[in-house]
Amino acid sequence: MNSRSLTTSHIERAFLTVRQELKRYQRKGLGYSKDLDTHKLAVALHFGVYNFVRKHTTLKTTPAVAAGIEEKPWTLERVVEMTADYMRRKEDAVFEAAFAVTE
């Protein structure tokens, strides 16, 4: 699909999927952090799982495999490991910055 064939219905369908999958878009309650960084991570995690882990019934595989980006679907275990590595690197960077020697 190229950008010329996109219509508002494609965009609305994508927004509907996000609203259905990410409950933080459905409610304005107190149960979810309003922190922007947490919000960005939740959205990134959703799209990662949606495109690399979840097999879509119409494609019979993941969108990433169908597009040729990956050879095989990811497992949830891989996503958890990648997320843990990311968070560990982020915490290490904060720790190193706190003890950095400035001249």
Protein backbone atom coordinates (compact mmCIF):
# COMPACT_ATOMS: atom_id res chain seq x y z
CA MET A 1 0.00 0.00 0.00
CA ASN A 2 1.44 3.37 -0.91
CA SER A 3 0.64 6.73 0.65
CA ARG A 4 -1.59 7.71 -2.28
CA SER A 5 -3.99 4.84 -1.56
CA LEU A 6 -4.46 5.73 2.12
CA THR A 7 -7.82 7.12 3.08
CA THR A 8 -9.33 8.43 6.27
CA SER A 9 -10.95 5.03 6.80
CA HIS A 10 -7.48 3.46 7.14
CA ILE A 11 -6.52 6.03 9.76
CA GLU A 12 -9.81 5.68 11.63
CA ARG A 13 -9.38 1.89 11.68
CA ALA A 14 -5.88 2.27 13.13
CA PHE A 15 -7.20 4.66 15.81
CA LEU A 16 -10.01 2.22 16.64
CA THR A 17 -7.49 -0.59 17.12
CA VAL A 18 -5.43 1.57 19.45
CA ARG A 19 -8.50 2.59 21.46
CA GLN A 20 -9.60 -1.03 21.79
CA GLU A 21 -6.20 -2.39 22.76
CA LEU A 22 -4.90 0.42 24.99
CA LYS A 23 -7.37 1.00 27.78
CA ARG A 24 -5.67 4.28 28.65
CA TYR A 25 -7.39 5.72 25.57
CA GLN A 26 -10.81 4.52 26.65
CA ARG A 27 -10.97 5.87 30.18
CA LYS A 28 -10.11 9.09 31.84
CA GLY A 29 -9.92 7.47 35.22
CA LEU A 30 -7.29 7.52 37.90
CA GLY A 31 -5.90 4.06 37.18
CA TYR A 32 -3.31 5.12 34.62
CA SER A 33 -0.24 7.27 34.97
CA LYS A 34 -0.48 10.60 33.21
CA ASP A 35 3.30 10.73 32.86
CA LEU A 36 4.26 11.36 29.21
CA ASP A 37 7.21 8.95 29.28
CA THR A 38 5.02 6.14 30.60
CA HIS A 39 2.43 6.91 27.95
CA LYS A 40 5.05 6.79 25.18
CA LEU A 41 6.34 3.44 26.44
CA ALA A 42 2.82 1.97 26.57
CA VAL A 43 2.11 3.05 22.99
CA ALA A 44 5.46 1.73 21.76
CA LEU A 45 4.88 -1.59 23.49
CA HIS A 46 1.39 -1.85 21.97
CA PHE A 47 2.63 -1.23 18.42
CA GLY A 48 5.58 -3.56 18.88
CA VAL A 49 3.38 -6.44 19.98
CA TYR A 50 0.73 -5.59 17.37
CA ASN A 51 3.21 -5.62 14.48
CA PHE A 52 5.84 -8.16 15.56
CA VAL A 53 4.10 -10.69 17.86
CA ARG A 54 0.36 -10.82 17.12
CA LYS A 55 -0.59 -12.99 14.17
CA HIS A 56 -3.33 -11.30 12.17
CA THR A 57 -6.02 -13.60 10.80
CA THR A 58 -6.15 -11.94 7.38
CA LEU A 59 -2.38 -12.15 6.92
CA LYS A 60 -1.92 -15.52 8.66
CA THR A 61 1.27 -14.01 10.16
CA THR A 62 2.47 -10.77 11.73
CA PRO A 63 2.57 -7.54 9.71
CA ALA A 64 6.36 -7.35 10.15
CA VAL A 65 6.84 -10.80 8.62
CA ALA A 66 4.34 -10.04 5.83
CA ALA A 67 6.24 -6.83 5.00
CA GLY A 68 9.58 -8.66 4.97
CA ILE A 69 10.98 -6.76 7.98
CA GLU A 70 11.39 -9.94 10.03
CA GLU A 71 11.82 -13.56 9.02
CA LYS A 72 9.65 -14.97 11.80
CA PRO A 73 7.28 -13.58 14.45
CA TRP A 74 8.69 -12.50 17.79
CA THR A 75 7.68 -14.19 21.02
CA LEU A 76 6.34 -12.34 24.04
CA GLU A 77 9.40 -13.56 25.92
CA ARG A 78 11.62 -11.68 23.44
CA VAL A 79 9.57 -8.51 23.92
CA VAL A 80 9.84 -8.81 27.71
CA GLU A 81 13.62 -9.29 27.47
CA MET A 82 13.97 -6.31 25.11
CA THR A 83 11.85 -4.16 27.42
CA ALA A 84 13.89 -5.19 30.48
CA ASP A 85 17.15 -4.42 28.63
CA TYR A 86 15.83 -1.01 27.61
CA MET A 87 14.75 -0.14 31.14
CA ARG A 88 18.07 -1.37 32.56
CA ARG A 89 20.05 0.80 30.11
CA LYS A 90 17.84 3.78 30.93
CA GLU A 91 18.38 3.32 34.68
CA ASP A 92 22.15 2.90 34.15
CA ALA A 93 22.29 6.14 32.17
CA VAL A 94 20.49 8.02 34.96
CA PHE A 95 22.84 6.51 37.55
CA GLU A 96 25.95 7.39 35.53
CA ALA A 97 24.72 10.93 34.95
CA ALA A 98 24.14 11.39 38.67
CA PHE A 99 27.75 10.48 39.45
CA ALA A 100 29.40 12.04 36.42
CA VAL A 101 32.36 14.27 37.22
CA THR A 102 31.95 17.71 35.74
CA GLU A 103 34.83 20.09 35.38
